[in-house]
Structure formats: C-alpha cells, structure tokens
Amino acid sequence: MASTSSSFEKDEEPSDPQVQKIAPADPAAGGEPAGNPAELSTTEIKKKKKKKKKKVLIQVPDSDVKRVLSYKEETIDTEVPDLWVRRDPELAANLGIMWANLAMLKELTKGRMLEEQRNYREQLKTKGRVTYELEVDEDDPRFKDESTTSAGAGRRRYRPSVMKKQDGHTRKLN
C-alpha cells in the first residue's frame, strides 16, 4: 500500500474559484498595478456592501391579532356530489382537484396558524400587546429614532415684558 498514490498524500489544496483570492497583477508582465480597484475580491466587495443592521420591535395591528386568534380548524370535504359528476364529469374532476388543493393548503397553514395563536396568546398575557422583531438597516429613514416632544407648558417664545402667572393669565410687566 505504500507504493500507491492517492489524493490524500498530495500537499495540494482543492481549488474553488469562489474561495481563491485574486492575486495582484505583475506590472512587469504587462498587468495593471496591484492597487487597481478592478481587482477587488468578492469578500472585499461584500464588506463594502454590508450595512449595519438593527432590530426594531413593531406592534402587530389589532385586526391581525383578532384574525389569528379567531382561527379555527376546519376540514374540507373533497368529495364531489354525484349530481355534478353525472351532469359534467370534466367540471366535477376539476372541482375535485381544486378542493384537494385547498385541503392541502389548509393542512399546511394549520400548523403555522396554531403556533402563531399560541405565540400571540403568550405575548398578550405577558406584555399586553403583540409585537414582532424586524431587522432593518441603521440608515433606514422609516425607523429613525426621532425624539418628538411637544412644546412645554407656558409660552413658546420669548416675549419681552410679558409674564405668565400660575393661574394661566398673562400679565404685562411694563
């Protein structure tokens, strides 16, 4: 077995075009200098495109909460009535296929809806509201934290020789 050669004994690494780094071009060989921006590797491009993300809590609308909490399992009868089969067999066959697809869709969504119901009920019990997390870019203008405070009590601007009393009336000083 010592005389057989296998790929494990070689010191070569497997070459994958996505993993390989782009080697700098040799200016003496007619290539461009290494500082050329056209020679960026894929990882460097991904780093430039990558933006900072932040998580935002968004409250689920009451209509959606009511819709999810009111969901009940319903079975669909996929049996086509004999009267339809006798009158128009092609229409009855298409109707049977549609009902079977609808039953399959309901079966697939049933598990997700029941899980959402449990999640919503738990959140309503603990927090009193239902929220979900959304990951957005930090520079997204829709989710900026802007402190919007209303104007404080009293006058809004400086008015010389006017003073506000505690009872709400204004008095001229001069």
Protein backbone atom coordinates (compact mmCIF):
# COMPACT_ATOMS: atom_id res chain seq x y z
CA MET A 1 0.00 0.00 0.00
CA ALA A 2 2.97 2.31 0.44
CA SER A 3 3.60 2.41 -3.31
CA THR A 4 0.08 3.52 -4.26
CA SER A 5 -0.52 7.20 -4.59
CA SER A 6 -3.72 8.81 -3.52
CA SER A 7 -5.03 12.33 -3.48
CA PHE A 8 -4.69 12.41 0.31
CA GLU A 9 -0.90 12.15 0.14
CA LYS A 10 -0.54 15.22 -2.07
CA ASP A 11 0.02 18.58 -0.47
CA GLU A 12 -2.27 20.37 -2.90
CA GLU A 13 -5.37 22.17 -1.73
CA PRO A 14 -8.59 21.85 -3.70
CA SER A 15 -9.15 24.86 -5.86
CA ASP A 16 -12.50 26.55 -5.65
CA PRO A 17 -12.95 29.66 -7.80
CA GLN A 18 -15.06 31.40 -5.14
CA VAL A 19 -12.52 30.74 -2.38
CA GLN A 20 -9.41 31.70 -4.33
CA LYS A 21 -8.05 35.17 -3.76
CA ILE A 22 -7.30 37.38 -6.68
CA ALA A 23 -3.55 37.66 -6.99
CA PRO A 24 -2.10 41.10 -7.67
CA ALA A 25 -1.07 41.57 -11.27
CA ASP A 26 2.60 41.85 -12.11
CA PRO A 27 3.31 45.22 -13.76
CA ALA A 28 6.42 43.77 -15.47
CA ALA A 29 4.28 41.12 -17.16
CA GLY A 30 2.05 43.76 -18.69
CA GLY A 31 -0.58 43.63 -15.98
CA GLU A 32 -2.01 46.51 -14.05
CA PRO A 33 -0.65 47.54 -10.65
CA ALA A 34 -1.89 45.82 -7.52
CA GLY A 35 -3.77 48.88 -6.29
CA ASN A 36 -6.30 48.70 -9.12
CA PRO A 37 -9.88 48.86 -7.81
CA ALA A 38 -10.95 46.39 -10.51
CA GLU A 39 -9.06 43.66 -8.65
CA LEU A 40 -11.21 43.56 -5.51
CA SER A 41 -12.03 40.12 -4.26
CA THR A 42 -15.59 39.02 -3.55
CA THR A 43 -15.09 39.21 0.21
CA GLU A 44 -13.91 42.82 -0.03
CA ILE A 45 -16.95 43.70 -2.13
CA LYS A 46 -19.28 42.05 0.39
CA LYS A 47 -17.67 44.01 3.22
CA LYS A 48 -18.26 47.26 1.39
CA LYS A 49 -21.90 46.41 0.67
CA LYS A 50 -22.59 45.18 4.18
CA LYS A 51 -24.54 47.72 6.19
CA LYS A 52 -25.12 47.85 9.88
CA LYS A 53 -28.40 46.27 10.89
CA LYS A 54 -30.54 46.94 13.92
CA LYS A 55 -33.59 45.18 15.31
CA VAL A 56 -36.85 47.09 15.66
CA LEU A 57 -39.93 45.97 17.60
CA ILE A 58 -43.14 46.58 15.67
CA GLN A 59 -46.60 46.16 17.16
CA VAL A 60 -48.98 43.87 15.28
CA PRO A 61 -52.26 45.62 14.33
CA ASP A 62 -55.34 44.64 16.34
CA SER A 63 -57.13 43.39 13.23
CA ASP A 64 -54.34 40.87 12.56
CA VAL A 65 -54.33 39.74 16.19
CA LYS A 66 -58.10 39.18 16.07
CA ARG A 67 -57.81 37.28 12.78
CA VAL A 68 -55.15 34.93 14.14
CA LEU A 69 -56.89 34.38 17.48
CA SER A 70 -60.23 33.64 15.79
CA TYR A 71 -58.74 30.92 13.56
CA LYS A 72 -60.37 27.52 13.97
CA GLU A 73 -59.52 24.26 12.27
CA GLU A 74 -61.97 23.35 9.55
CA THR A 75 -61.92 20.19 7.48
CA ILE A 76 -62.82 20.43 3.81
CA ASP A 77 -64.86 17.68 2.21
CA THR A 78 -63.15 16.86 -1.09
CA GLU A 79 -65.94 14.56 -2.24
CA VAL A 80 -67.74 15.90 -5.34
CA PRO A 81 -71.53 15.32 -5.35
CA ASP A 82 -72.79 12.61 -7.74
CA LEU A 83 -75.16 15.04 -9.41
CA TRP A 84 -72.22 17.11 -10.65
CA VAL A 85 -70.40 14.02 -11.86
CA ARG A 86 -73.44 12.93 -13.90
CA ARG A 87 -74.06 16.38 -15.38
CA ASP A 88 -70.50 17.40 -16.25
CA PRO A 89 -67.71 14.93 -15.41
CA GLU A 90 -64.93 17.26 -16.57
CA LEU A 91 -66.16 20.10 -14.36
CA ALA A 92 -66.56 17.69 -11.44
CA ALA A 93 -62.98 16.43 -11.91
CA ASN A 94 -61.62 20.00 -11.92
CA LEU A 95 -63.70 20.85 -8.86
CA GLY A 96 -62.34 17.78 -7.06
CA ILE A 97 -58.77 18.82 -7.88
CA MET A 98 -59.42 22.37 -6.64
CA TRP A 99 -60.92 21.10 -3.37
CA ALA A 100 -57.99 18.71 -2.88
CA ASN A 101 -55.51 21.58 -3.40
CA LEU A 102 -57.47 23.76 -0.99
CA ALA A 103 -57.48 20.98 1.63
CA MET A 104 -53.71 20.54 1.21
CA LEU A 105 -53.17 24.30 1.60
CA LYS A 106 -55.31 24.39 4.75
CA GLU A 107 -53.35 21.45 6.17
CA LEU A 108 -50.05 23.25 5.54
CA THR A 109 -51.20 26.53 7.11
CA LYS A 110 -52.92 24.89 10.09
CA GLY A 111 -49.68 24.21 11.98
CA ARG A 112 -48.34 27.72 11.41
CA MET A 113 -51.60 29.38 12.45
CA LEU A 114 -51.90 27.31 15.63
CA GLU A 115 -48.30 28.15 16.52
CA GLU A 116 -48.99 31.86 15.91
CA GLN A 117 -52.08 31.61 18.12
CA ARG A 118 -50.02 30.21 20.99
CA ASN A 119 -47.36 32.88 20.47
CA TYR A 120 -49.93 35.73 20.35
CA ARG A 121 -51.75 34.48 23.45
CA GLU A 122 -48.47 34.24 25.36
CA GLN A 123 -47.43 37.77 24.33
CA LEU A 124 -50.86 39.17 25.22
CA LYS A 125 -50.66 37.52 28.63
CA THR A 126 -47.12 38.74 29.40
CA LYS A 127 -46.86 42.11 27.63
CA GLY A 128 -50.46 43.04 26.93
CA ARG A 129 -49.68 43.55 23.23
CA VAL A 130 -48.29 41.56 20.32
CA THR A 131 -45.01 42.58 18.70
CA TYR A 132 -42.54 41.15 16.23
CA GLU A 133 -38.88 41.89 15.53
CA LEU A 134 -37.77 43.32 12.23
CA GLU A 135 -34.14 43.68 11.16
CA VAL A 136 -33.56 46.91 9.25
CA ASP A 137 -30.62 48.99 8.06
CA GLU A 138 -29.40 51.61 10.50
CA ASP A 139 -29.77 54.37 7.93
CA ASP A 140 -33.38 53.48 7.01
CA PRO A 141 -35.35 56.74 7.37
CA ARG A 142 -38.58 54.94 8.30
CA PHE A 143 -37.10 53.64 11.55
CA LYS A 144 -35.03 56.57 12.80
CA ASP A 145 -35.33 57.37 16.49
CA GLU A 146 -36.52 60.94 16.35
CA SER A 147 -37.42 62.40 19.69
CA THR A 148 -40.63 64.27 19.04
CA THR A 149 -41.56 66.16 22.15
CA SER A 150 -44.36 68.62 22.31
CA ALA A 151 -43.75 72.18 23.37
CA GLY A 152 -43.61 72.57 27.11
CA ALA A 153 -46.21 74.34 29.16
CA GLY A 154 -46.14 78.12 29.16
CA ARG A 155 -45.16 80.45 26.39
CA ARG A 156 -43.32 79.10 23.39
CA ARG A 157 -41.15 82.06 22.56
CA TYR A 158 -39.53 84.88 24.39
CA ARG A 159 -41.80 87.91 24.62
CA PRO A 160 -40.23 90.88 26.35
CA SER A 161 -42.17 92.38 29.24
CA VAL A 162 -44.79 89.58 29.41
CA MET A 163 -45.01 87.12 32.28
CA LYS A 164 -47.30 84.13 32.69
CA LYS A 165 -49.00 83.61 36.04
CA GLN A 166 -49.72 80.24 37.62
CA ASP A 167 -53.47 80.57 37.03
CA GLY A 168 -52.92 80.79 33.26
CA HIS A 169 -53.32 84.53 32.75
CA THR A 170 -50.60 86.70 31.29
CA ARG A 171 -49.53 89.99 32.80
CA LYS A 172 -47.65 92.85 31.25
CA LEU A 173 -44.63 93.91 33.25
CA ASN A 174 -44.18 97.43 31.77
